[in-house]
Amino acid sequence: MNIANKVTMVRLVMIPIFVVAFYYFGTSYNIAAILFMLASLTDALDGYLARSRNLITNFGKFVDPLVDKVLTMAAFIVLVEAGVIPAWSVIIIISRELIITGFRTLAADMGITIAASMWGKAKTTSQMISLVLLLLHNEVLNKFGIYVFYLAVILTIISGLDYLIKNKKVLDLENI
């Protein structure tokens, strides 16, 4: 296992640590927020290592986005349980992630690669910013985080539709 994939696995191990810290400390301290930020930063690090050292592997291509989704979903779910954000909005986010992941898998099986779009990148960025702001123990940042969160929900819907519309040939029933 190369160094980039090891960093991804560190992020995977950090997820239950983040969740435990959230439940143990709640929003009384910034420990869970710091752990979430550190785990999120490992995504940039493993990507940099993989590209700069030519360490891109099929394992990394599969596991890295999966771990990213598990990390963000874990954060969204603990925030729902804490009453910070509504469940319906997280259902939209999780549904989009599952639909687009399945869509990309189907496309890959057809030999089609679906690159991340501007909308997808904006969605991811807004989700991560909102999660950090909502996890921090700061009333002003939390209020701003709610606005960024709802922007993330809107971008989640737009980016999901964008992927489906631009790549509708993948859903052509004759190809399935």
Protein backbone atom coordinates (compact mmCIF):
# COMPACT_ATOMS: atom_id res chain seq x y z
CA MET A 1 0.00 0.00 0.00
CA ASN A 2 1.51 3.31 -1.06
CA ILE A 3 1.71 6.47 1.07
CA ALA A 4 -1.29 8.16 -0.59
CA ASN A 5 -3.52 5.16 0.15
CA LYS A 6 -2.18 5.00 3.72
CA VAL A 7 -3.23 8.62 4.23
CA THR A 8 -6.70 7.72 2.93
CA MET A 9 -6.85 4.87 5.44
CA VAL A 10 -5.85 7.27 8.22
CA ARG A 11 -8.86 9.39 7.24
CA LEU A 12 -11.06 6.30 7.44
CA VAL A 13 -9.79 5.56 10.98
CA MET A 14 -10.39 9.19 11.95
CA ILE A 15 -14.13 8.93 11.19
CA PRO A 16 -15.13 6.90 14.27
CA ILE A 17 -12.74 8.99 16.38
CA PHE A 18 -14.51 12.14 15.15
CA VAL A 19 -17.93 10.63 15.92
CA VAL A 20 -16.88 9.55 19.42
CA ALA A 21 -15.40 13.00 20.08
CA PHE A 22 -18.64 14.63 18.92
CA TYR A 23 -20.72 12.50 21.28
CA TYR A 24 -18.29 12.83 24.16
CA PHE A 25 -17.65 16.57 23.89
CA GLY A 26 -20.69 17.63 21.87
CA THR A 27 -20.50 21.19 20.65
CA SER A 28 -19.09 22.35 23.96
CA TYR A 29 -15.58 22.16 22.63
CA ASN A 30 -14.05 22.36 19.19
CA ILE A 31 -12.37 18.94 19.39
CA ALA A 32 -14.78 17.24 16.97
CA ALA A 33 -14.52 20.21 14.59
CA ILE A 34 -10.72 20.03 14.66
CA LEU A 35 -10.77 16.28 14.04
CA PHE A 36 -13.17 16.78 11.14
CA MET A 37 -10.93 19.50 9.66
CA LEU A 38 -7.82 17.32 10.03
CA ALA A 39 -9.58 14.38 8.40
CA SER A 40 -10.76 16.66 5.58
CA LEU A 41 -7.24 17.98 5.03
CA THR A 42 -5.92 14.44 4.59
CA ASP A 43 -8.05 14.29 1.44
CA ALA A 44 -6.02 17.09 -0.12
CA LEU A 45 -2.81 15.48 1.13
CA ASP A 46 -3.50 12.02 -0.31
CA GLY A 47 -4.54 13.57 -3.62
CA TYR A 48 -1.37 15.64 -3.76
CA LEU A 49 0.80 12.64 -2.90
CA ALA A 50 -0.90 10.42 -5.45
CA ARG A 51 -0.58 12.95 -8.28
CA SER A 52 2.87 14.34 -7.49
CA ARG A 53 4.46 10.91 -7.00
CA ASN A 54 2.47 9.09 -9.67
CA LEU A 55 0.88 6.85 -7.04
CA ILE A 56 -2.63 6.74 -8.50
CA THR A 57 -4.09 3.25 -8.05
CA ASN A 58 -7.43 1.59 -8.66
CA PHE A 59 -7.67 1.07 -4.89
CA GLY A 60 -7.20 4.81 -4.33
CA LYS A 61 -9.67 5.75 -7.06
CA PHE A 62 -12.28 3.57 -5.36
CA VAL A 63 -11.56 4.10 -1.66
CA ASP A 64 -10.72 7.83 -1.57
CA PRO A 65 -14.14 9.12 -2.71
CA LEU A 66 -15.88 6.47 -0.63
CA VAL A 67 -14.06 7.56 2.53
CA ASP A 68 -14.84 11.21 1.72
CA LYS A 69 -18.53 10.40 1.49
CA VAL A 70 -18.51 8.40 4.74
CA LEU A 71 -16.76 11.29 6.53
CA THR A 72 -19.23 13.92 5.34
CA MET A 73 -22.24 11.66 5.89
CA ALA A 74 -21.08 10.92 9.44
CA ALA A 75 -20.79 14.65 10.15
CA PHE A 76 -24.20 15.39 8.66
CA ILE A 77 -25.83 12.57 10.62
CA VAL A 78 -24.40 13.61 14.00
CA LEU A 79 -25.54 17.17 13.30
CA VAL A 80 -29.06 15.89 12.54
CA GLU A 81 -29.12 13.91 15.76
CA ALA A 82 -27.92 16.97 17.67
CA GLY A 83 -30.80 18.97 16.20
CA VAL A 84 -28.52 21.36 14.32
CA ILE A 85 -29.79 20.57 10.81
CA PRO A 86 -33.00 18.91 9.59
CA ALA A 87 -33.05 15.28 8.50
CA TRP A 88 -34.87 15.97 5.21
CA SER A 89 -31.95 18.02 3.94
CA VAL A 90 -29.43 15.31 4.77
CA ILE A 91 -31.66 12.73 3.08
CA ILE A 92 -31.40 14.87 -0.08
CA ILE A 93 -27.61 15.04 0.24
CA ILE A 94 -27.15 11.31 0.90
CA SER A 95 -29.60 10.36 -1.86
CA ARG A 96 -27.73 12.50 -4.38
CA GLU A 97 -24.40 10.96 -3.37
CA LEU A 98 -25.74 7.42 -3.74
CA ILE A 99 -27.48 8.16 -7.05
CA ILE A 100 -24.43 9.83 -8.61
CA THR A 101 -22.07 7.14 -7.29
CA GLY A 102 -24.27 4.47 -8.89
CA PHE A 103 -24.54 6.56 -12.05
CA ARG A 104 -20.74 6.90 -12.26
CA THR A 105 -20.35 3.15 -11.70
CA LEU A 106 -22.79 2.44 -14.53
CA ALA A 107 -20.96 4.92 -16.77
CA ALA A 108 -17.58 3.36 -15.94
CA ASP A 109 -18.97 -0.05 -16.86
CA MET A 110 -19.85 1.46 -20.24
CA GLY A 111 -16.33 2.89 -20.60
CA ILE A 112 -17.48 6.45 -19.87
CA THR A 113 -15.60 8.57 -17.35
CA ILE A 114 -17.61 11.32 -15.70
CA ALA A 115 -15.32 14.04 -14.43
CA ALA A 116 -16.23 16.29 -11.53
CA SER A 117 -18.10 19.37 -12.72
CA MET A 118 -17.96 22.95 -11.53
CA TRP A 119 -21.30 22.32 -9.76
CA GLY A 120 -19.97 19.18 -8.08
CA LYS A 121 -16.89 21.02 -6.83
CA ALA A 122 -19.02 23.91 -5.56
CA LYS A 123 -21.29 21.38 -3.81
CA THR A 124 -18.37 19.68 -2.09
CA THR A 125 -16.76 22.96 -1.05
CA SER A 126 -19.99 24.35 0.39
CA GLN A 127 -20.69 21.10 2.24
CA MET A 128 -17.25 21.07 3.85
CA ILE A 129 -17.38 24.75 4.81
CA SER A 130 -20.86 24.36 6.28
CA LEU A 131 -19.82 21.30 8.26
CA VAL A 132 -16.80 23.03 9.76
CA LEU A 133 -18.86 26.12 10.64
CA LEU A 134 -21.63 24.01 12.18
CA LEU A 135 -19.21 21.86 14.18
CA LEU A 136 -17.38 24.84 15.68
CA HIS A 137 -18.50 26.07 19.08
CA ASN A 138 -19.29 29.62 17.99
CA GLU A 139 -22.80 31.07 17.76
CA VAL A 140 -22.00 33.55 14.96
CA LEU A 141 -20.18 30.94 12.86
CA ASN A 142 -22.97 28.43 13.47
CA LYS A 143 -25.58 30.91 12.17
CA PHE A 144 -23.49 31.60 9.08
CA GLY A 145 -22.94 27.83 8.76
CA ILE A 146 -26.70 27.25 8.46
CA TYR A 147 -26.88 29.59 5.47
CA VAL A 148 -23.90 27.87 3.86
CA PHE A 149 -25.53 24.51 4.62
CA TYR A 150 -28.74 25.43 2.78
CA LEU A 151 -26.63 26.72 -0.10
CA ALA A 152 -24.93 23.29 -0.07
CA VAL A 153 -28.33 21.57 -0.26
CA ILE A 154 -29.28 23.69 -3.27
CA LEU A 155 -25.91 23.02 -4.94
CA THR A 156 -26.33 19.31 -4.17
CA ILE A 157 -29.58 19.24 -6.14
CA ILE A 158 -28.20 21.35 -9.00
CA SER A 159 -25.01 19.29 -9.31
CA GLY A 160 -26.93 16.00 -9.26
CA LEU A 161 -29.26 17.18 -12.02
CA ASP A 162 -26.28 18.56 -13.96
CA TYR A 163 -24.53 15.16 -13.91
CA LEU A 164 -27.69 13.35 -15.00
CA ILE A 165 -28.63 15.79 -17.77
CA LYS A 166 -25.13 16.13 -19.25
CA ASN A 167 -24.62 12.36 -19.23
CA LYS A 168 -28.14 11.16 -20.04
CA LYS A 169 -26.70 8.73 -22.61
CA VAL A 170 -25.65 6.58 -19.65
CA LEU A 171 -29.31 6.12 -18.79
CA ASP A 172 -30.26 5.10 -22.32
CA LEU A 173 -32.13 1.86 -21.63
CA GLU A 174 -30.73 0.23 -24.76
CA ASN A 175 -27.25 0.49 -23.20
CA ILE A 176 -28.23 -1.15 -19.92
